[in-house]
C-alpha atoms as a PDB file:
ATOM      1  CA  UNK A   1      -0.036   0.003  -0.010  1.00  0.00           C
ATOM      2  CA  UNK A   2       1.380   3.443  -0.853  1.00  0.00           C
ATOM      3  CA  UNK A   3       2.082   5.662   2.142  1.00  0.00           C
ATOM      4  CA  UNK A   4      -0.134   8.515   0.695  1.00  0.00           C
ATOM      5  CA  UNK A   5      -3.093   6.087   0.446  1.00  0.00           C
ATOM      6  CA  UNK A   6      -2.423   4.917   4.072  1.00  0.00           C
ATOM      7  CA  UNK A   7      -2.245   8.278   5.548  1.00  0.00           C
ATOM      8  CA  UNK A   8      -5.403   9.420   3.609  1.00  0.00           C
ATOM      9  CA  UNK A   9      -7.249   6.281   4.782  1.00  0.00           C
ATOM     10  CA  UNK A  10      -6.406   6.877   8.544  1.00  0.00           C
ATOM     11  CA  UNK A  11      -7.530  10.471   8.026  1.00  0.00           C
ATOM     12  CA  UNK A  12     -10.922   9.235   6.608  1.00  0.00           C
ATOM     13  CA  UNK A  13     -11.505   6.791   9.313  1.00  0.00           C
ATOM     14  CA  UNK A  14     -10.908   9.323  12.094  1.00  0.00           C
ATOM     15  CA  UNK A  15     -12.554  12.271  10.444  1.00  0.00           C
ATOM     16  CA  UNK A  16     -15.430  10.888   8.604  1.00  0.00           C
ATOM     17  CA  UNK A  17     -16.598   7.295   9.510  1.00  0.00           C
ATOM     18  CA  UNK A  18     -19.871   7.993   7.710  1.00  0.00           C
ATOM     19  CA  UNK A  19     -18.053   8.304   4.334  1.00  0.00           C
ATOM     20  CA  UNK A  20     -16.983   4.764   4.643  1.00  0.00           C
ATOM     21  CA  UNK A  21     -20.507   3.500   5.015  1.00  0.00           C
ATOM     22  CA  UNK A  22     -22.135   5.576   2.415  1.00  0.00           C
ATOM     23  CA  UNK A  23     -19.076   5.494   0.032  1.00  0.00           C
ATOM     24  CA  UNK A  24     -19.914   8.831  -1.394  1.00  0.00           C
ATOM     25  CA  UNK A  25     -22.434  11.211   0.293  1.00  0.00           C
ATOM     26  CA  UNK A  26     -23.993  12.116   3.651  1.00  0.00           C
ATOM     27  CA  UNK A  27     -27.567  11.419   4.278  1.00  0.00           C
ATOM     28  CA  UNK A  28     -27.958  12.769   7.538  1.00  0.00           C
ATOM     29  CA  UNK A  29     -28.201  16.481   6.725  1.00  0.00           C
ATOM     30  CA  UNK A  30     -30.613  17.842   4.082  1.00  0.00           C
ATOM     31  CA  UNK A  31     -28.786  19.650   1.375  1.00  0.00           C
ATOM     32  CA  UNK A  32     -29.609  20.950  -2.089  1.00  0.00           C
ATOM     33  CA  UNK A  33     -28.112  22.851  -5.022  1.00  0.00           C
ATOM     34  CA  UNK A  34     -29.680  26.250  -4.414  1.00  0.00           C
ATOM     35  CA  UNK A  35     -30.673  28.648  -1.708  1.00  0.00           C
ATOM     36  CA  UNK A  36     -29.778  28.521   1.953  1.00  0.00           C
ATOM     37  CA  UNK A  37     -28.880  24.679   1.766  1.00  0.00           C
ATOM     38  CA  UNK A  38     -26.978  25.203  -1.525  1.00  0.00           C
ATOM     39  CA  UNK A  39     -23.211  24.658  -2.074  1.00  0.00           C
ATOM     40  CA  UNK A  40     -22.170  28.050  -0.516  1.00  0.00           C
ATOM     41  CA  UNK A  41     -23.738  26.789   2.633  1.00  0.00           C
ATOM     42  CA  UNK A  42     -22.887  23.073   2.770  1.00  0.00           C
ATOM     43  CA  UNK A  43     -20.096  23.418   5.327  1.00  0.00           C
ATOM     44  CA  UNK A  44     -22.441  24.943   7.826  1.00  0.00           C
ATOM     45  CA  UNK A  45     -25.235  22.576   7.553  1.00  0.00           C
ATOM     46  CA  UNK A  46     -23.569  19.980   9.961  1.00  0.00           C
ATOM     47  CA  UNK A  47     -20.016  19.425  11.381  1.00  0.00           C
ATOM     48  CA  UNK A  48     -19.522  16.365   9.147  1.00  0.00           C
ATOM     49  CA  UNK A  49     -19.713  18.707   6.258  1.00  0.00           C
ATOM     50  CA  UNK A  50     -16.801  20.958   7.473  1.00  0.00           C
ATOM     51  CA  UNK A  51     -14.583  20.023   4.520  1.00  0.00           C
ATOM     52  CA  UNK A  52     -17.088  21.555   2.149  1.00  0.00           C
ATOM     53  CA  UNK A  53     -15.903  25.041   3.252  1.00  0.00           C
ATOM     54  CA  UNK A  54     -12.648  24.446   4.985  1.00  0.00           C
ATOM     55  CA  UNK A  55     -11.112  21.812   2.687  1.00  0.00           C
ATOM     56  CA  UNK A  56      -7.984  22.573   0.468  1.00  0.00           C
ATOM     57  CA  UNK A  57      -8.551  19.775  -2.150  1.00  0.00           C
ATOM     58  CA  UNK A  58     -12.130  20.362  -3.207  1.00  0.00           C
ATOM     59  CA  UNK A  59     -13.880  19.022  -6.263  1.00  0.00           C
ATOM     60  CA  UNK A  60     -14.935  19.739  -9.020  1.00  0.00           C
ATOM     61  CA  UNK A  61     -12.263  21.862 -10.775  1.00  0.00           C
ATOM     62  CA  UNK A  62     -11.795  23.669 -14.006  1.00  0.00           C
ATOM     63  CA  UNK A  63      -9.215  21.443 -15.923  1.00  0.00           C
ATOM     64  CA  UNK A  64      -6.729  23.799 -17.237  1.00  0.00           C
ATOM     65  CA  UNK A  65      -2.843  23.908 -17.453  1.00  0.00           C
ATOM     66  CA  UNK A  66      -2.704  20.154 -17.163  1.00  0.00           C
ATOM     67  CA  UNK A  67       0.846  18.547 -17.145  1.00  0.00           C
ATOM     68  CA  UNK A  68       1.403  15.705 -19.521  1.00  0.00           C
ATOM     69  CA  UNK A  69       2.865  12.751 -17.519  1.00  0.00           C
ATOM     70  CA  UNK A  70       3.355   9.163 -17.544  1.00  0.00           C
ATOM     71  CA  UNK A  71       0.311   8.063 -15.579  1.00  0.00           C
ATOM     72  CA  UNK A  72      -1.108   4.404 -15.744  1.00  0.00           C
ATOM     73  CA  UNK A  73      -3.592   3.436 -18.282  1.00  0.00           C
ATOM     74  CA  UNK A  74      -7.168   2.717 -17.397  1.00  0.00           C
ATOM     75  CA  UNK A  75      -9.026  -0.573 -17.978  1.00  0.00           C
ATOM     76  CA  UNK A  76     -12.489  -1.682 -16.898  1.00  0.00           C
ATOM     77  CA  UNK A  77     -14.438  -4.934 -16.346  1.00  0.00           C
ATOM     78  CA  UNK A  78     -17.836  -3.845 -15.567  1.00  0.00           C
ATOM     79  CA  UNK A  79     -20.968  -5.857 -15.290  1.00  0.00           C
ATOM     80  CA  UNK A  80     -24.361  -5.205 -16.733  1.00  0.00           C
ATOM     81  CA  UNK A  81     -27.442  -4.521 -14.663  1.00  0.00           C
ATOM     82  CA  UNK A  82     -28.282  -2.941 -11.372  1.00  0.00           C
ATOM     83  CA  UNK A  83     -31.041  -0.834 -10.001  1.00  0.00           C
ATOM     84  CA  UNK A  84     -31.965   2.787 -10.898  1.00  0.00           C
ATOM     85  CA  UNK A  85     -32.553   4.997  -8.038  1.00  0.00           C
ATOM     86  CA  UNK A  86     -33.930   8.516  -7.949  1.00  0.00           C
ATOM     87  CA  UNK A  87     -32.370   9.745  -4.701  1.00  0.00           C
ATOM     88  CA  UNK A  88     -33.634  13.182  -4.583  1.00  0.00           C
ATOM     89  CA  UNK A  89     -30.294  14.720  -5.833  1.00  0.00           C
ATOM     90  CA  UNK A  90     -29.685  12.687  -9.082  1.00  0.00           C
ATOM     91  CA  UNK A  91     -30.325   9.539 -10.883  1.00  0.00           C
ATOM     92  CA  UNK A  92     -28.147   6.744  -9.472  1.00  0.00           C
ATOM     93  CA  UNK A  93     -27.462   3.272 -10.640  1.00  0.00           C
ATOM     94  CA  UNK A  94     -26.576   0.788  -7.976  1.00  0.00           C
ATOM     95  CA  UNK A  95     -24.536  -2.013  -9.673  1.00  0.00           C
ATOM     96  CA  UNK A  96     -23.883  -5.683  -8.905  1.00  0.00           C
ATOM     97  CA  UNK A  97     -20.693  -6.614  -7.040  1.00  0.00           C
ATOM     98  CA  UNK A  98     -17.589  -7.597  -8.989  1.00  0.00           C
ATOM     99  CA  UNK A  99     -17.369  -4.677 -11.529  1.00  0.00           C
ATOM    100  CA  UNK A 100     -13.604  -3.493 -11.498  1.00  0.00           C
ATOM    101  CA  UNK A 101     -11.458  -0.473 -12.592  1.00  0.00           C
ATOM    102  CA  UNK A 102      -7.761  -0.925 -12.835  1.00  0.00           C
ATOM    103  CA  UNK A 103      -5.226   1.857 -12.821  1.00  0.00           C
ATOM    104  CA  UNK A 104      -1.778   0.548 -12.976  1.00  0.00           C
ATOM    105  CA  UNK A 105      -1.430  -1.549  -9.765  1.00  0.00           C
ATOM    106  CA  UNK A 106      -4.483  -0.200  -8.186  1.00  0.00           C
ATOM    107  CA  UNK A 107      -7.874  -1.975  -8.415  1.00  0.00           C
ATOM    108  CA  UNK A 108     -11.196  -0.332  -7.449  1.00  0.00           C
ATOM    109  CA  UNK A 109     -14.750  -1.916  -7.459  1.00  0.00           C
ATOM    110  CA  UNK A 110     -17.633  -0.056  -9.099  1.00  0.00           C
ATOM    111  CA  UNK A 111     -20.184   0.965  -6.325  1.00  0.00           C
ATOM    112  CA  UNK A 112     -22.498   3.092  -8.399  1.00  0.00           C
ATOM    113  CA  UNK A 113     -22.714   5.544 -11.057  1.00  0.00           C
ATOM    114  CA  UNK A 114     -24.729   8.730 -11.418  1.00  0.00           C
ATOM    115  CA  UNK A 115     -25.336  11.912 -13.427  1.00  0.00           C
ATOM    116  CA  UNK A 116     -24.950  15.657 -13.111  1.00  0.00           C
ATOM    117  CA  UNK A 117     -26.280  18.474 -15.416  1.00  0.00           C
ATOM    118  CA  UNK A 118     -24.507  20.563 -16.441  1.00  0.00           C
ATOM    119  CA  UNK A 119     -21.082  18.869 -16.003  1.00  0.00           C
ATOM    120  CA  UNK A 120     -19.396  19.586 -12.640  1.00  0.00           C
ATOM    121  CA  UNK A 121     -15.891  19.603 -14.080  1.00  0.00           C
ATOM    122  CA  UNK A 122     -14.949  22.319 -16.641  1.00  0.00           C
ATOM    123  CA  UNK A 123     -12.407  22.200 -19.286  1.00  0.00           C
ATOM    124  CA  UNK A 124     -10.625  25.362 -19.920  1.00  0.00           C
ATOM    125  CA  UNK A 125     -13.736  27.186 -18.604  1.00  0.00           C
ATOM    126  CA  UNK A 126     -16.198  25.125 -20.600  1.00  0.00           C
ATOM    127  CA  UNK A 127     -19.273  23.200 -19.060  1.00  0.00           C
ATOM    128  CA  UNK A 128     -20.631  20.190 -20.952  1.00  0.00           C
ATOM    129  CA  UNK A 129     -24.319  19.551 -20.911  1.00  0.00           C
ATOM    130  CA  UNK A 130     -23.874  16.447 -18.584  1.00  0.00           C
ATOM    131  CA  UNK A 131     -21.436  14.335 -16.899  1.00  0.00           C
ATOM    132  CA  UNK A 132     -21.533  10.833 -15.517  1.00  0.00           C
ATOM    133  CA  UNK A 133     -19.451   9.692 -12.359  1.00  0.00           C
ATOM    134  CA  UNK A 134     -18.463   6.049 -11.924  1.00  0.00           C
ATOM    135  CA  UNK A 135     -17.765   5.738  -8.242  1.00  0.00           C
ATOM    136  CA  UNK A 136     -15.322   3.113  -7.276  1.00  0.00           C
ATOM    137  CA  UNK A 137     -13.901   1.956  -3.881  1.00  0.00           C
ATOM    138  CA  UNK A 138     -10.438   0.555  -3.174  1.00  0.00           C
ATOM    139  CA  UNK A 139     -10.930  -2.493  -0.886  1.00  0.00           C
ATOM    140  CA  UNK A 140      -7.825  -2.073   1.176  1.00  0.00           C
ATOM    141  CA  UNK A 141      -8.003   1.629   1.894  1.00  0.00           C
ATOM    142  CA  UNK A 142     -11.671   2.624   1.526  1.00  0.00           C
ATOM    143  CA  UNK A 143     -10.512   5.407  -0.712  1.00  0.00           C
ATOM    144  CA  UNK A 144     -12.522   6.263  -3.850  1.00  0.00           C
ATOM    145  CA  UNK A 145     -11.601   6.331  -7.458  1.00  0.00           C
ATOM    146  CA  UNK A 146     -14.043   8.280  -9.551  1.00  0.00           C
ATOM    147  CA  UNK A 147     -14.038   8.286 -13.362  1.00  0.00           C
ATOM    148  CA  UNK A 148     -15.942  11.245 -14.990  1.00  0.00           C
ATOM    149  CA  UNK A 149     -17.100  11.211 -18.471  1.00  0.00           C
ATOM    150  CA  UNK A 150     -18.779  14.069 -20.239  1.00  0.00           C
ATOM    151  CA  UNK A 151     -21.956  13.643 -22.305  1.00  0.00           C
ATOM    152  CA  UNK A 152     -22.785  15.839 -25.303  1.00  0.00           C
ATOM    153  CA  UNK A 153     -25.854  15.705 -27.702  1.00  0.00           C
ATOM    154  CA  UNK A 154     -25.368  13.790 -30.903  1.00  0.00           C
ATOM    155  CA  UNK A 155     -25.945  10.211 -31.930  1.00  0.00           C
ATOM    156  CA  UNK A 156     -28.253   7.899 -29.853  1.00  0.00           C
ATOM    157  CA  UNK A 157     -26.241   5.949 -27.160  1.00  0.00           C
ATOM    158  CA  UNK A 158     -28.202   2.617 -26.583  1.00  0.00           C
ATOM    159  CA  UNK A 159     -27.341   2.328 -23.012  1.00  0.00           C
ATOM    160  CA  UNK A 160     -27.976   5.833 -21.927  1.00  0.00           C
ATOM    161  CA  UNK A 161     -31.348   5.624 -23.931  1.00  0.00           C
ATOM    162  CA  UNK A 162     -32.128   2.461 -21.955  1.00  0.00           C
ATOM    163  CA  UNK A 163     -31.599   4.120 -18.629  1.00  0.00           C
ATOM    164  CA  UNK A 164     -33.315   7.427 -19.696  1.00  0.00           C
ATOM    165  CA  UNK A 165     -36.433   5.518 -20.608  1.00  0.00           C
ATOM    166  CA  UNK A 166     -36.561   4.113 -17.154  1.00  0.00           C
ATOM    167  CA  UNK A 167     -35.545   7.158 -15.071  1.00  0.00           C
ATOM    168  CA  UNK A 168     -37.860   7.119 -11.982  1.00  0.00           C
ATOM    169  CA  UNK A 169     -39.762  10.222 -11.854  1.00  0.00           C
ATOM    170  CA  UNK A 170     -40.079  10.810  -8.122  1.00  0.00           C
ATOM    171  CA  UNK A 171     -37.447  10.795  -5.131  1.00  0.00           C
ATOM    172  CA  UNK A 172     -37.287   7.458  -3.597  1.00  0.00           C
ATOM    173  CA  UNK A 173     -38.575   5.514  -6.651  1.00  0.00           C
ATOM    174  CA  UNK A 174     -36.548   2.655  -8.266  1.00  0.00           C
ATOM    175  CA  UNK A 175     -36.522   0.880 -11.376  1.00  0.00           C
ATOM    176  CA  UNK A 176     -34.597  -2.045 -13.076  1.00  0.00           C
ATOM    177  CA  UNK A 177     -31.371  -1.403 -15.004  1.00  0.00           C
ATOM    178  CA  UNK A 178     -30.959  -4.990 -15.952  1.00  0.00           C
ATOM    179  CA  UNK A 179     -30.554  -4.265 -19.659  1.00  0.00           C
ATOM    180  CA  UNK A 180     -28.026  -1.388 -19.066  1.00  0.00           C
ATOM    181  CA  UNK A 181     -24.295  -1.806 -19.628  1.00  0.00           C
ATOM    182  CA  UNK A 182     -22.130   0.865 -17.998  1.00  0.00           C
ATOM    183  CA  UNK A 183     -19.278   0.283 -20.358  1.00  0.00           C
ATOM    184  CA  UNK A 184     -21.512   1.658 -23.203  1.00  0.00           C
ATOM    185  CA  UNK A 185     -21.169   5.139 -21.468  1.00  0.00           C
ATOM    186  CA  UNK A 186     -17.365   5.088 -22.104  1.00  0.00           C
ATOM    187  CA  UNK A 187     -15.403   6.913 -24.979  1.00  0.00           C
ATOM    188  CA  UNK A 188     -13.475   4.746 -27.245  1.00  0.00           C
ATOM    189  CA  UNK A 189     -10.291   6.217 -25.787  1.00  0.00           C
ATOM    190  CA  UNK A 190      -9.650   6.319 -21.959  1.00  0.00           C
ATOM    191  CA  UNK A 191      -7.172   9.207 -22.265  1.00  0.00           C
ATOM    192  CA  UNK A 192      -7.803  11.188 -18.945  1.00  0.00           C
ATOM    193  CA  UNK A 193      -6.782  13.862 -16.609  1.00  0.00           C
ATOM    194  CA  UNK A 194      -6.043  12.943 -12.964  1.00  0.00           C
ATOM    195  CA  UNK A 195      -5.882  14.955  -9.675  1.00  0.00           C
ATOM    196  CA  UNK A 196      -6.546  14.447  -5.965  1.00  0.00           C
ATOM    197  CA  UNK A 197      -9.789  15.946  -4.834  1.00  0.00           C
ATOM    198  CA  UNK A 198     -12.954  15.301  -2.954  1.00  0.00           C
ATOM    199  CA  UNK A 199     -16.716  14.239  -3.130  1.00  0.00           C
ATOM    200  CA  UNK A 200     -18.598  16.767  -4.943  1.00  0.00           C
ATOM    201  CA  UNK A 201     -21.500  16.345  -2.535  1.00  0.00           C
ATOM    202  CA  UNK A 202     -21.611  16.785   1.225  1.00  0.00           C
ATOM    203  CA  UNK A 203     -19.698  15.801   3.213  1.00  0.00           C
ATOM    204  CA  UNK A 204     -17.162  16.788   0.493  1.00  0.00           C
ATOM    205  CA  UNK A 205     -14.586  14.479   2.032  1.00  0.00           C
ATOM    206  CA  UNK A 206     -11.103  14.778   0.234  1.00  0.00           C
ATOM    207  CA  UNK A 207     -10.749  10.996  -0.265  1.00  0.00           C
ATOM    208  CA  UNK A 208     -11.037  10.800  -4.146  1.00  0.00           C
ATOM    209  CA  UNK A 209      -8.550   9.998  -6.817  1.00  0.00           C
ATOM    210  CA  UNK A 210     -10.193  11.758  -9.809  1.00  0.00           C
ATOM    211  CA  UNK A 211      -9.907  10.547 -13.276  1.00  0.00           C
ATOM    212  CA  UNK A 212     -11.796  12.562 -15.896  1.00  0.00           C
ATOM    213  CA  UNK A 213     -11.937  11.303 -19.556  1.00  0.00           C
ATOM    214  CA  UNK A 214     -10.709  13.683 -22.170  1.00  0.00           C
ATOM    215  CA  UNK A 215     -13.161  12.547 -24.835  1.00  0.00           C
ATOM    216  CA  UNK A 216     -16.913  13.033 -24.332  1.00  0.00           C
ATOM    217  CA  UNK A 217     -19.594  10.536 -25.423  1.00  0.00           C
ATOM    218  CA  UNK A 218     -22.542  11.390 -27.633  1.00  0.00           C
ATOM    219  CA  UNK A 219     -25.999  10.725 -26.380  1.00  0.00           C
ATOM    220  CA  UNK A 220     -29.399  11.554 -27.772  1.00  0.00           C
ATOM    221  CA  UNK A 221     -30.371  15.269 -27.030  1.00  0.00           C
ATOM    222  CA  UNK A 222     -33.810  13.936 -26.078  1.00  0.00           C
ATOM    223  CA  UNK A 223     -32.388  11.570 -23.483  1.00  0.00           C
ATOM    224  CA  UNK A 224     -30.527  14.563 -21.941  1.00  0.00           C
ATOM    225  CA  UNK A 225     -33.816  16.229 -21.858  1.00  0.00           C
ATOM    226  CA  UNK A 226     -35.310  13.373 -19.936  1.00  0.00           C
ATOM    227  CA  UNK A 227     -32.690  13.858 -17.194  1.00  0.00           C
ATOM    228  CA  UNK A 228     -32.783  17.587 -16.968  1.00  0.00           C
ATOM    229  CA  UNK A 229     -36.727  17.347 -16.782  1.00  0.00           C
ATOM    230  CA  UNK A 230     -35.892  15.820 -13.357  1.00  0.00           C
ATOM    231  CA  UNK A 231     -32.727  17.538 -12.414  1.00  0.00           C
ATOM    232  CA  UNK A 232     -32.177  20.737 -14.527  1.00  0.00           C
ATOM    233  CA  UNK A 233     -29.181  21.765 -12.253  1.00  0.00           C
ATOM    234  CA  UNK A 234     -27.420  19.458  -9.811  1.00  0.00           C
ATOM    235  CA  UNK A 235     -23.842  20.561 -10.273  1.00  0.00           C
ATOM    236  CA  UNK A 236     -21.578  21.986  -7.689  1.00  0.00           C
ATOM    237  CA  UNK A 237     -19.673  24.955  -8.969  1.00  0.00           C
ATOM    238  CA  UNK A 238     -15.943  24.412  -9.721  1.00  0.00           C
ATOM    239  CA  UNK A 239     -13.452  25.190  -6.966  1.00  0.00           C
ATOM    240  CA  UNK A 240      -9.873  26.445  -6.918  1.00  0.00           C
ATOM    241  CA  UNK A 241      -7.164  23.951  -7.310  1.00  0.00           C
ATOM    242  CA  UNK A 242      -4.970  25.344  -4.520  1.00  0.00           C
ATOM    243  CA  UNK A 243      -1.749  24.596  -6.318  1.00  0.00           C
ATOM    244  CA  UNK A 244      -2.683  20.978  -6.972  1.00  0.00           C
ATOM    245  CA  UNK A 245      -1.272  19.472 -10.103  1.00  0.00           C
ATOM    246  CA  UNK A 246      -3.547  18.191 -12.791  1.00  0.00           C
ATOM    247  CA  UNK A 247      -1.907  15.420 -14.778  1.00  0.00           C
ATOM    248  CA  UNK A 248      -2.646  14.426 -18.333  1.00  0.00           C
ATOM    249  CA  UNK A 249      -2.205  11.116 -19.873  1.00  0.00           C
ATOM    250  CA  UNK A 250      -0.206  11.060 -23.115  1.00  0.00           C
END
């Protein structure tokens, strides 16, 4: 285990045991994307959310000035299926056990994937219509590896269309994702940017190895509309990098 991961893992367990249980978000404090419970106030909604305002490695960020580096290639072995959940903040797909992402010598297991509109990450100041986040957990450290992919209107994407047709319309509702293959939401190239960051929702814990695919995927504009009809804006604004390096695969 790398020393950095070990230290971050200890910090996670000490400062945010809830993060380990939920893998990606706090459910104990109500929050939203606007008003007095919006991103500007997340840090004051509960002590477990303190990183949202006090953290130094927050996400998302505007990806610019990336440094080309010899970073490991990505490979995925994901399974089809799962359950689509409208959780009140986004549409999330809970996946069967055993779906893996490998980055060099590190292996993460896919826990769930979900969507944001517009994209949370920017590239040179530019938003994309949507972004999907594939949330993985490292078994030994409990740290997260999140792969972000941008979605733009264009050709029909069969797997996104399958999901969009079944999006539950109300918070708390579920539907089957048996026919959906998450691998269908990946670009043909997995060139990516990498940086150390945080969850983009409360408690904003700084436990994430971010990987953002350089190439977007095309999906039917009508299917984007099915998501934005439910969640027209569920993106945290970009945060400052605070001298973090953003690395770019060659």
